[in-house]
Amino acid sequence: MDAKPAAICAACNRAINEGQSVTYDLLFDRYFCDNACWSDWYADNEAEHRRKWTEEVDL
């Protein structure tokens, strides 16, 4: 019987098992098996990150 993975990498869909170190994106609640996968995913989703986390302000 195979154990159910704790999460799935949002970039490459690899199974992430319990006890494995991963990169977690708190804004989108997504797990990535390593920093390379996170970087690849972020490159494609930078505009959405920017829209949610930045704003113009007057000082």
Protein backbone atom coordinates (compact mmCIF):
# COMPACT_ATOMS: atom_id res chain seq x y z
CA MET A 1 0.00 0.00 0.00
CA ASP A 2 1.44 3.37 -0.99
CA ALA A 3 1.32 6.24 1.48
CA LYS A 4 -0.69 9.27 0.41
CA PRO A 5 1.58 12.28 -0.28
CA ALA A 6 1.36 15.19 2.16
CA ALA A 7 1.27 17.68 -0.74
CA ILE A 8 1.83 18.00 -4.48
CA CYS A 9 4.37 20.41 -5.99
CA ALA A 10 2.44 23.24 -7.68
CA ALA A 11 5.05 23.53 -10.43
CA CYS A 12 5.99 19.98 -11.42
CA ASN A 13 3.19 17.94 -9.75
CA ARG A 14 5.70 15.73 -7.93
CA ALA A 15 4.43 14.07 -4.75
CA ILE A 16 5.83 15.63 -1.57
CA ASN A 17 6.01 13.19 1.32
CA GLU A 18 5.73 13.96 5.01
CA GLY A 19 9.10 14.88 6.52
CA GLN A 20 10.47 16.26 3.25
CA SER A 21 11.73 19.86 3.20
CA VAL A 22 9.80 22.04 0.77
CA THR A 23 9.27 25.67 -0.21
CA TYR A 24 5.87 27.01 0.84
CA ASP A 25 4.21 30.04 -0.74
CA LEU A 26 2.09 31.56 2.03
CA LEU A 27 0.22 33.97 -0.25
CA PHE A 28 -1.16 31.28 -2.56
CA ASP A 29 -1.00 28.35 -0.11
CA ARG A 30 1.11 26.28 -2.49
CA TYR A 31 3.95 23.84 -1.92
CA PHE A 32 7.03 23.41 -4.11
CA CYS A 33 9.47 20.50 -3.94
CA ASP A 34 12.48 22.85 -4.17
CA ASN A 35 13.50 26.44 -4.84
CA ALA A 36 13.94 25.77 -8.56
CA CYS A 37 10.30 24.76 -8.91
CA TRP A 38 9.20 27.80 -6.91
CA SER A 39 11.34 30.09 -9.11
CA ASP A 40 9.86 28.59 -12.29
CA TRP A 41 6.30 28.95 -10.97
CA TYR A 42 6.94 32.48 -9.69
CA ALA A 43 8.34 33.61 -13.04
CA ASP A 44 5.00 32.70 -14.62
CA ASN A 45 2.93 34.25 -11.79
CA GLU A 46 4.92 37.37 -10.85
CA ALA A 47 2.21 39.80 -11.97
CA GLU A 48 -0.36 38.20 -9.67
CA HIS A 49 2.08 38.26 -6.76
CA ARG A 50 2.85 41.91 -7.42
CA ARG A 51 -0.83 42.83 -7.66
CA LYS A 52 -1.61 41.22 -4.30
CA TRP A 53 1.47 42.38 -2.41
CA THR A 54 2.28 45.87 -3.71
CA GLU A 55 0.45 49.15 -4.02
CA GLU A 56 1.20 52.75 -4.86
CA VAL A 57 1.10 55.15 -1.94
CA ASP A 58 1.62 58.88 -1.46
CA LEU A 59 4.26 59.87 1.08
